[in-house]
Amino acid sequence: MLLLTLAAGCGSPGGTVAVRASPEDLSGLLGLSYGDAVDVAQGLGYRQVRSRGATSYWSEPRSQSCARFGRSRGRLISVTMLPMAEC
């Protein structure tokens, strides 16, 4: 498990957000800005493999992990970990 501290956007109390994420579980990214979530996922070795509308699929080959991201209004609103075959 990786604990990251990100600078929060304007108006956020405390100025930082703690995020728990690992290649096997990206659910800790929920609620982040989509850009911050992508930065964390890429830092964990993920790469985007496809997208359609507000849904994108990300894979991390070392851990054989796959995640489906849903976004709305610039925020990550869903993270679903899937079998690698779904990516």
PDB file of N, CA and C in Angstrom:
ATOM      1  N   MET A   1       0.858  -1.166   0.000  1.00  0.00           N
ATOM      2  CA  MET A   1       0.000   0.000   0.000  1.00  0.00           C
ATOM      3  C   MET A   1       0.902   1.225   0.000  1.00  0.00           C
ATOM      4  N   LEU A   2       0.543   2.161  -0.813  1.00  0.00           N
ATOM      5  CA  LEU A   2       1.289   3.407  -0.943  1.00  0.00           C
ATOM      6  C   LEU A   2       0.428   4.518  -0.379  1.00  0.00           C
ATOM      7  N   LEU A   3       0.991   5.319   0.505  1.00  0.00           N
ATOM      8  CA  LEU A   3       0.284   6.474   1.042  1.00  0.00           C
ATOM      9  C   LEU A   3       0.905   7.706   0.419  1.00  0.00           C
ATOM     10  N   LEU A   4       0.099   8.447  -0.327  1.00  0.00           N
ATOM     11  CA  LEU A   4       0.572   9.645  -1.007  1.00  0.00           C
ATOM     12  C   LEU A   4      -0.101  10.860  -0.404  1.00  0.00           C
ATOM     13  N   THR A   5       0.590  11.961  -0.367  1.00  0.00           N
ATOM     14  CA  THR A   5      -0.002  13.208   0.055  1.00  0.00           C
ATOM     15  C   THR A   5       0.039  14.150  -1.130  1.00  0.00           C
ATOM     16  N   LEU A   6      -1.120  14.598  -1.554  1.00  0.00           N
ATOM     17  CA  LEU A   6      -1.234  15.484  -2.704  1.00  0.00           C
ATOM     18  C   LEU A   6      -1.666  16.862  -2.242  1.00  0.00           C
ATOM     19  N   ALA A   7      -1.180  17.877  -2.908  1.00  0.00           N
ATOM     20  CA  ALA A   7      -1.663  19.225  -2.644  1.00  0.00           C
ATOM     21  C   ALA A   7      -3.103  19.295  -3.120  1.00  0.00           C
ATOM     22  N   ALA A   8      -3.963  19.787  -2.278  1.00  0.00           N
ATOM     23  CA  ALA A   8      -5.381  19.881  -2.637  1.00  0.00           C
ATOM     24  C   ALA A   8      -5.643  21.171  -3.382  1.00  0.00           C
ATOM     25  N   GLY A   9      -6.755  21.201  -4.080  1.00  0.00           N
ATOM     26  CA  GLY A   9      -7.133  22.394  -4.835  1.00  0.00           C
ATOM     27  C   GLY A   9      -7.520  23.540  -3.923  1.00  0.00           C
ATOM     28  N   CYS A  10      -7.747  24.679  -4.502  1.00  0.00           N
ATOM     29  CA  CYS A  10      -8.113  25.875  -3.753  1.00  0.00           C
ATOM     30  C   CYS A  10      -9.365  25.614  -2.927  1.00  0.00           C
ATOM     31  N   GLY A  11      -9.365  26.110  -1.729  1.00  0.00           N
ATOM     32  CA  GLY A  11     -10.526  26.001  -0.879  1.00  0.00           C
ATOM     33  C   GLY A  11     -10.619  24.710  -0.088  1.00  0.00           C
ATOM     34  N   SER A  12      -9.664  23.810  -0.262  1.00  0.00           N
ATOM     35  CA  SER A  12      -9.697  22.573   0.498  1.00  0.00           C
ATOM     36  C   SER A  12      -9.088  22.799   1.871  1.00  0.00           C
ATOM     37  N   PRO A  13      -9.766  22.361   2.925  1.00  0.00           N
ATOM     38  CA  PRO A  13      -9.196  22.550   4.255  1.00  0.00           C
ATOM     39  C   PRO A  13      -7.930  21.740   4.426  1.00  0.00           C
ATOM     40  N   GLY A  14      -6.960  22.307   5.083  1.00  0.00           N
ATOM     41  CA  GLY A  14      -5.721  21.599   5.363  1.00  0.00           C
ATOM     42  C   GLY A  14      -4.702  21.651   4.246  1.00  0.00           C
ATOM     43  N   GLY A  15      -5.125  21.856   3.021  1.00  0.00           N
ATOM     44  CA  GLY A  15      -4.200  22.030   1.912  1.00  0.00           C
ATOM     45  C   GLY A  15      -3.632  20.764   1.305  1.00  0.00           C
ATOM     46  N   THR A  16      -3.817  19.597   1.946  1.00  0.00           N
ATOM     47  CA  THR A  16      -3.316  18.349   1.371  1.00  0.00           C
ATOM     48  C   THR A  16      -4.364  17.258   1.520  1.00  0.00           C
ATOM     49  N   VAL A  17      -4.223  16.226   0.704  1.00  0.00           N
ATOM     50  CA  VAL A  17      -5.120  15.079   0.744  1.00  0.00           C
ATOM     51  C   VAL A  17      -4.255  13.831   0.809  1.00  0.00           C
ATOM     52  N   ALA A  18      -4.525  12.944   1.769  1.00  0.00           N
ATOM     53  CA  ALA A  18      -3.805  11.675   1.850  1.00  0.00           C
ATOM     54  C   ALA A  18      -4.538  10.650   1.000  1.00  0.00           C
ATOM     55  N   VAL A  19      -3.790   9.913   0.209  1.00  0.00           N
ATOM     56  CA  VAL A  19      -4.367   8.925  -0.701  1.00  0.00           C
ATOM     57  C   VAL A  19      -3.690   7.586  -0.457  1.00  0.00           C
ATOM     58  N   ARG A  20      -4.488   6.557  -0.257  1.00  0.00           N
ATOM     59  CA  ARG A  20      -3.953   5.196  -0.135  1.00  0.00           C
ATOM     60  C   ARG A  20      -4.259   4.460  -1.437  1.00  0.00           C
ATOM     61  N   ALA A  21      -3.221   3.961  -2.065  1.00  0.00           N
ATOM     62  CA  ALA A  21      -3.410   3.239  -3.323  1.00  0.00           C
ATOM     63  C   ALA A  21      -2.289   2.235  -3.499  1.00  0.00           C
ATOM     64  N   SER A  22      -2.592   1.160  -4.185  1.00  0.00           N
ATOM     65  CA  SER A  22      -1.598   0.153  -4.554  1.00  0.00           C
ATOM     66  C   SER A  22      -1.967  -0.325  -5.950  1.00  0.00           C
ATOM     67  N   PRO A  23      -1.044  -0.993  -6.646  1.00  0.00           N
ATOM     68  CA  PRO A  23      -1.391  -1.485  -7.978  1.00  0.00           C
ATOM     69  C   PRO A  23      -2.608  -2.414  -7.970  1.00  0.00           C
ATOM     70  N   GLU A  24      -2.855  -3.099  -6.866  1.00  0.00           N
ATOM     71  CA  GLU A  24      -3.971  -4.031  -6.787  1.00  0.00           C
ATOM     72  C   GLU A  24      -5.280  -3.362  -6.369  1.00  0.00           C
ATOM     73  N   ASP A  25      -5.213  -2.134  -5.837  1.00  0.00           N
ATOM     74  CA  ASP A  25      -6.418  -1.455  -5.349  1.00  0.00           C
ATOM     75  C   ASP A  25      -6.270   0.055  -5.473  1.00  0.00           C
ATOM     76  N   LEU A  26      -6.962   0.627  -6.425  1.00  0.00           N
ATOM     77  CA  LEU A  26      -6.908   2.071  -6.660  1.00  0.00           C
ATOM     78  C   LEU A  26      -8.124   2.794  -6.073  1.00  0.00           C
ATOM     79  N   SER A  27      -8.923   2.131  -5.247  1.00  0.00           N
ATOM     80  CA  SER A  27     -10.142   2.746  -4.727  1.00  0.00           C
ATOM     81  C   SER A  27      -9.865   4.003  -3.902  1.00  0.00           C
ATOM     82  N   GLY A  28      -8.668   4.138  -3.367  1.00  0.00           N
ATOM     83  CA  GLY A  28      -8.316   5.331  -2.605  1.00  0.00           C
ATOM     84  C   GLY A  28      -8.257   6.593  -3.447  1.00  0.00           C
ATOM     85  N   LEU A  29      -8.335   6.456  -4.759  1.00  0.00           N
ATOM     86  CA  LEU A  29      -8.284   7.616  -5.651  1.00  0.00           C
ATOM     87  C   LEU A  29      -9.649   8.271  -5.845  1.00  0.00           C
ATOM     88  N   LEU A  30     -10.701   7.618  -5.400  1.00  0.00           N
ATOM     89  CA  LEU A  30     -12.053   8.158  -5.570  1.00  0.00           C
ATOM     90  C   LEU A  30     -12.158   9.572  -5.025  1.00  0.00           C
ATOM     91  N   GLY A  31     -12.783  10.422  -5.796  1.00  0.00           N
ATOM     92  CA  GLY A  31     -13.009  11.794  -5.372  1.00  0.00           C
ATOM     93  C   GLY A  31     -11.918  12.772  -5.753  1.00  0.00           C
ATOM     94  N   LEU A  32     -10.760  12.246  -6.157  1.00  0.00           N
ATOM     95  CA  LEU A  32      -9.679  13.133  -6.595  1.00  0.00           C
ATOM     96  C   LEU A  32     -10.042  13.776  -7.923  1.00  0.00           C
ATOM     97  N   SER A  33      -9.364  14.864  -8.232  1.00  0.00           N
ATOM     98  CA  SER A  33      -9.506  15.388  -9.586  1.00  0.00           C
ATOM     99  C   SER A  33      -9.012  14.295 -10.527  1.00  0.00           C
ATOM    100  N   TYR A  34      -9.585  14.245 -11.716  1.00  0.00           N
ATOM    101  CA  TYR A  34      -9.197  13.195 -12.652  1.00  0.00           C
ATOM    102  C   TYR A  34      -7.704  13.267 -12.960  1.00  0.00           C
ATOM    103  N   GLY A  35      -7.176  14.473 -13.116  1.00  0.00           N
ATOM    104  CA  GLY A  35      -5.752  14.640 -13.404  1.00  0.00           C
ATOM    105  C   GLY A  35      -4.865  14.099 -12.294  1.00  0.00           C
ATOM    106  N   ASP A  36      -5.221  14.361 -11.028  1.00  0.00           N
ATOM    107  CA  ASP A  36      -4.446  13.829  -9.908  1.00  0.00           C
ATOM    108  C   ASP A  36      -4.525  12.314  -9.857  1.00  0.00           C
ATOM    109  N   ALA A  37      -5.723  11.766 -10.100  1.00  0.00           N
ATOM    110  CA  ALA A  37      -5.886  10.310 -10.091  1.00  0.00           C
ATOM    111  C   ALA A  37      -5.032   9.654 -11.177  1.00  0.00           C
ATOM    112  N   VAL A  38      -5.017  10.253 -12.350  1.00  0.00           N
ATOM    113  CA  VAL A  38      -4.191   9.735 -13.446  1.00  0.00           C
ATOM    114  C   VAL A  38      -2.712   9.799 -13.078  1.00  0.00           C
ATOM    115  N   ASP A  39      -2.279  10.892 -12.479  1.00  0.00           N
ATOM    116  CA  ASP A  39      -0.879  11.019 -12.069  1.00  0.00           C
ATOM    117  C   ASP A  39      -0.487   9.912 -11.091  1.00  0.00           C
ATOM    118  N   VAL A  40      -1.350   9.635 -10.113  1.00  0.00           N
ATOM    119  CA  VAL A  40      -1.061   8.577  -9.139  1.00  0.00           C
ATOM    120  C   VAL A  40      -1.031   7.218  -9.829  1.00  0.00           C
ATOM    121  N   ALA A  41      -2.031   6.942 -10.670  1.00  0.00           N
ATOM    122  CA  ALA A  41      -2.081   5.652 -11.372  1.00  0.00           C
ATOM    123  C   ALA A  41      -0.827   5.456 -12.222  1.00  0.00           C
ATOM    124  N   GLN A  42      -0.422   6.481 -12.942  1.00  0.00           N
ATOM    125  CA  GLN A  42       0.784   6.365 -13.757  1.00  0.00           C
ATOM    126  C   GLN A  42       2.018   6.166 -12.887  1.00  0.00           C
ATOM    127  N   GLY A  43       2.057   6.810 -11.738  1.00  0.00           N
ATOM    128  CA  GLY A  43       3.171   6.615 -10.809  1.00  0.00           C
ATOM    129  C   GLY A  43       3.256   5.197 -10.277  1.00  0.00           C
ATOM    130  N   LEU A  44       2.115   4.508 -10.256  1.00  0.00           N
ATOM    131  CA  LEU A  44       2.075   3.114  -9.813  1.00  0.00           C
ATOM    132  C   LEU A  44       2.301   2.140 -10.964  1.00  0.00           C
ATOM    133  N   GLY A  45       2.559   2.651 -12.158  1.00  0.00           N
ATOM    134  CA  GLY A  45       2.861   1.797 -13.296  1.00  0.00           C
ATOM    135  C   GLY A  45       1.711   1.550 -14.254  1.00  0.00           C
ATOM    136  N   TYR A  46       0.577   2.185 -14.028  1.00  0.00           N
ATOM    137  CA  TYR A  46      -0.568   2.006 -14.916  1.00  0.00           C
ATOM    138  C   TYR A  46      -0.401   2.813 -16.191  1.00  0.00           C
ATOM    139  N   ARG A  47      -1.022   2.294 -17.257  1.00  0.00           N
ATOM    140  CA  ARG A  47      -1.100   3.044 -18.501  1.00  0.00           C
ATOM    141  C   ARG A  47      -2.511   2.877 -19.038  1.00  0.00           C
ATOM    142  N   GLN A  48      -2.999   3.927 -19.671  1.00  0.00           N
ATOM    143  CA  GLN A  48      -4.349   3.872 -20.224  1.00  0.00           C
ATOM    144  C   GLN A  48      -4.333   3.006 -21.477  1.00  0.00           C
ATOM    145  N   VAL A  49      -5.263   2.065 -21.547  1.00  0.00           N
ATOM    146  CA  VAL A  49      -5.307   1.174 -22.699  1.00  0.00           C
ATOM    147  C   VAL A  49      -6.474   1.472 -23.637  1.00  0.00           C
ATOM    148  N   ARG A  50      -7.542   2.084 -23.109  1.00  0.00           N
ATOM    149  CA  ARG A  50      -8.648   2.499 -23.968  1.00  0.00           C
ATOM    150  C   ARG A  50      -9.577   3.405 -23.174  1.00  0.00           C
ATOM    151  N   SER A  51     -10.405   4.114 -23.914  1.00  0.00           N
ATOM    152  CA  SER A  51     -11.405   4.958 -23.256  1.00  0.00           C
ATOM    153  C   SER A  51     -12.597   5.137 -24.182  1.00  0.00           C
ATOM    154  N   ARG A  52     -13.712   5.448 -23.563  1.00  0.00           N
ATOM    155  CA  ARG A  52     -14.930   5.730 -24.312  1.00  0.00           C
ATOM    156  C   ARG A  52     -15.758   6.681 -23.460  1.00  0.00           C
ATOM    157  N   GLY A  53     -15.929   7.887 -23.954  1.00  0.00           N
ATOM    158  CA  GLY A  53     -16.654   8.888 -23.192  1.00  0.00           C
ATOM    159  C   GLY A  53     -15.957   9.175 -21.874  1.00  0.00           C
ATOM    160  N   ALA A  54     -16.699   9.053 -20.789  1.00  0.00           N
ATOM    161  CA  ALA A  54     -16.170   9.353 -19.457  1.00  0.00           C
ATOM    162  C   ALA A  54     -15.588   8.129 -18.761  1.00  0.00           C
ATOM    163  N   THR A  55     -15.437   7.028 -19.498  1.00  0.00           N
ATOM    164  CA  THR A  55     -14.905   5.788 -18.927  1.00  0.00           C
ATOM    165  C   THR A  55     -13.568   5.461 -19.575  1.00  0.00           C
ATOM    166  N   SER A  56     -12.585   5.129 -18.747  1.00  0.00           N
ATOM    167  CA  SER A  56     -11.281   4.729 -19.282  1.00  0.00           C
ATOM    168  C   SER A  56     -10.799   3.475 -18.562  1.00  0.00           C
ATOM    169  N   TYR A  57      -9.997   2.696 -19.261  1.00  0.00           N
ATOM    170  CA  TYR A  57      -9.450   1.442 -18.739  1.00  0.00           C
ATOM    171  C   TYR A  57      -7.942   1.582 -18.630  1.00  0.00           C
ATOM    172  N   TRP A  58      -7.406   1.112 -17.510  1.00  0.00           N
ATOM    173  CA  TRP A  58      -5.989   1.254 -17.200  1.00  0.00           C
ATOM    174  C   TRP A  58      -5.431  -0.104 -16.803  1.00  0.00           C
ATOM    175  N   SER A  59      -4.229  -0.430 -17.281  1.00  0.00           N
ATOM    176  CA  SER A  59      -3.613  -1.702 -16.909  1.00  0.00           C
ATOM    177  C   SER A  59      -2.230  -1.479 -16.313  1.00  0.00           C
ATOM    178  N   GLU A  60      -1.878  -2.402 -15.429  1.00  0.00           N
ATOM    179  CA  GLU A  60      -0.550  -2.408 -14.802  1.00  0.00           C
ATOM    180  C   GLU A  60      -0.027  -3.827 -14.965  1.00  0.00           C
ATOM    181  N   PRO A  61       0.883  -4.032 -15.930  1.00  0.00           N
ATOM    182  CA  PRO A  61       1.286  -5.393 -16.297  1.00  0.00           C
ATOM    183  C   PRO A  61       2.033  -6.175 -15.213  1.00  0.00           C
ATOM    184  N   ARG A  62       2.824  -5.519 -14.391  1.00  0.00           N
ATOM    185  CA  ARG A  62       3.596  -6.267 -13.381  1.00  0.00           C
ATOM    186  C   ARG A  62       2.693  -6.990 -12.388  1.00  0.00           C
ATOM    187  N   SER A  63       1.652  -6.321 -11.931  1.00  0.00           N
ATOM    188  CA  SER A  63       0.742  -6.945 -10.961  1.00  0.00           C
ATOM    189  C   SER A  63      -0.454  -7.605 -11.650  1.00  0.00           C
ATOM    190  N   GLN A  64      -0.516  -7.494 -12.989  1.00  0.00           N
ATOM    191  CA  GLN A  64      -1.644  -8.032 -13.758  1.00  0.00           C
ATOM    192  C   GLN A  64      -2.967  -7.437 -13.272  1.00  0.00           C
ATOM    193  N   SER A  65      -2.951  -6.119 -13.031  1.00  0.00           N
ATOM    194  CA  SER A  65      -4.132  -5.414 -12.547  1.00  0.00           C
ATOM    195  C   SER A  65      -4.755  -4.585 -13.658  1.00  0.00           C
ATOM    196  N   CYS A  66      -6.071  -4.437 -13.572  1.00  0.00           N
ATOM    197  CA  CYS A  66      -6.829  -3.639 -14.529  1.00  0.00           C
ATOM    198  C   CYS A  66      -7.837  -2.815 -13.736  1.00  0.00           C
ATOM    199  N   ALA A  67      -7.996  -1.569 -14.116  1.00  0.00           N
ATOM    200  CA  ALA A  67      -8.952  -0.691 -13.432  1.00  0.00           C
ATOM    201  C   ALA A  67      -9.786   0.060 -14.465  1.00  0.00           C
ATOM    202  N   ARG A  68     -11.051   0.220 -14.142  1.00  0.00           N
ATOM    203  CA  ARG A  68     -11.942   1.035 -14.962  1.00  0.00           C
ATOM    204  C   ARG A  68     -12.249   2.306 -14.168  1.00  0.00           C
ATOM    205  N   PHE A  69     -11.958   3.459 -14.760  1.00  0.00           N
ATOM    206  CA  PHE A  69     -12.207   4.754 -14.131  1.00  0.00           C
ATOM    207  C   PHE A  69     -13.447   5.385 -14.753  1.00  0.00           C
ATOM    208  N   GLY A  70     -14.282   5.962 -13.910  1.00  0.00           N
ATOM    209  CA  GLY A  70     -15.399   6.770 -14.369  1.00  0.00           C
ATOM    210  C   GLY A  70     -15.203   8.184 -13.864  1.00  0.00           C
ATOM    211  N   ARG A  71     -15.464   9.150 -14.715  1.00  0.00           N
ATOM    212  CA  ARG A  71     -15.266  10.538 -14.287  1.00  0.00           C
ATOM    213  C   ARG A  71     -16.489  11.383 -14.608  1.00  0.00           C
ATOM    214  N   SER A  72     -16.632  12.426 -13.824  1.00  0.00           N
ATOM    215  CA  SER A  72     -17.707  13.386 -14.031  1.00  0.00           C
ATOM    216  C   SER A  72     -17.263  14.721 -13.458  1.00  0.00           C
ATOM    217  N   ARG A  73     -17.486  15.769 -14.228  1.00  0.00           N
ATOM    218  CA  ARG A  73     -17.149  17.122 -13.788  1.00  0.00           C
ATOM    219  C   ARG A  73     -15.709  17.244 -13.285  1.00  0.00           C
ATOM    220  N   GLY A  74     -14.802  16.531 -13.965  1.00  0.00           N
ATOM    221  CA  GLY A  74     -13.383  16.632 -13.644  1.00  0.00           C
ATOM    222  C   GLY A  74     -12.924  15.827 -12.446  1.00  0.00           C
ATOM    223  N   ARG A  75     -13.798  15.001 -11.893  1.00  0.00           N
ATOM    224  CA  ARG A  75     -13.472  14.182 -10.722  1.00  0.00           C
ATOM    225  C   ARG A  75     -13.594  12.712 -11.047  1.00  0.00           C
ATOM    226  N   LEU A  76     -12.804  11.902 -10.351  1.00  0.00           N
ATOM    227  CA  LEU A  76     -12.912  10.452 -10.466  1.00  0.00           C
ATOM    228  C   LEU A  76     -14.064  10.014  -9.577  1.00  0.00           C
ATOM    229  N   ILE A  77     -15.122   9.478 -10.180  1.00  0.00           N
ATOM    230  CA  ILE A  77     -16.317   9.116  -9.411  1.00  0.00           C
ATOM    231  C   ILE A  77     -16.482   7.608  -9.229  1.00  0.00           C
ATOM    232  N   SER A  78     -15.715   6.819  -9.981  1.00  0.00           N
ATOM    233  CA  SER A  78     -15.769   5.371  -9.771  1.00  0.00           C
ATOM    234  C   SER A  78     -14.442   4.743 -10.160  1.00  0.00           C
ATOM    235  N   VAL A  79     -14.070   3.729  -9.390  1.00  0.00           N
ATOM    236  CA  VAL A  79     -12.898   2.905  -9.682  1.00  0.00           C
ATOM    237  C   VAL A  79     -13.349   1.461  -9.496  1.00  0.00           C
ATOM    238  N   THR A  80     -13.236   0.682 -10.554  1.00  0.00           N
ATOM    239  CA  THR A  80     -13.597  -0.728 -10.476  1.00  0.00           C
ATOM    240  C   THR A  80     -12.388  -1.539 -10.897  1.00  0.00           C
ATOM    241  N   MET A  81     -11.913  -2.399  -9.992  1.00  0.00           N
ATOM    242  CA  MET A  81     -10.817  -3.291 -10.315  1.00  0.00           C
ATOM    243  C   MET A  81     -11.395  -4.496 -11.049  1.00  0.00           C
ATOM    244  N   LEU A  82     -10.791  -4.834 -12.182  1.00  0.00           N
ATOM    245  CA  LEU A  82     -11.301  -5.876 -13.063  1.00  0.00           C
ATOM    246  C   LEU A  82     -10.235  -6.924 -13.352  1.00  0.00           C
ATOM    247  N   PRO A  83     -10.633  -8.101 -13.854  1.00  0.00           N
ATOM    248  CA  PRO A  83      -9.641  -9.061 -14.307  1.00  0.00           C
ATOM    249  C   PRO A  83      -8.852  -8.461 -15.484  1.00  0.00           C
ATOM    250  N   MET A  84      -7.592  -8.827 -15.603  1.00  0.00           N
ATOM    251  CA  MET A  84      -6.724  -8.273 -16.645  1.00  0.00           C
ATOM    252  C   MET A  84      -7.309  -8.470 -18.038  1.00  0.00           C
ATOM    253  N   ALA A  85      -8.039  -9.536 -18.243  1.00  0.00           N
ATOM    254  CA  ALA A  85      -8.642  -9.801 -19.563  1.00  0.00           C
ATOM    255  C   ALA A  85      -9.620  -8.708 -19.977  1.00  0.00           C
ATOM    256  N   GLU A  86     -10.156  -7.958 -19.039  1.00  0.00           N
ATOM    257  CA  GLU A  86     -11.100  -6.880 -19.345  1.00  0.00           C
ATOM    258  C   GLU A  86     -10.410  -5.648 -19.912  1.00  0.00           C
ATOM    259  N   CYS A  87      -9.122  -5.546 -19.680  1.00  0.00           N
ATOM    260  CA  CYS A  87      -8.371  -4.396 -20.210  1.00  0.00           C
ATOM    261  C   CYS A  87      -8.024  -4.611 -21.672  1.00  0.00           C
TER     262      CYS A  87
END
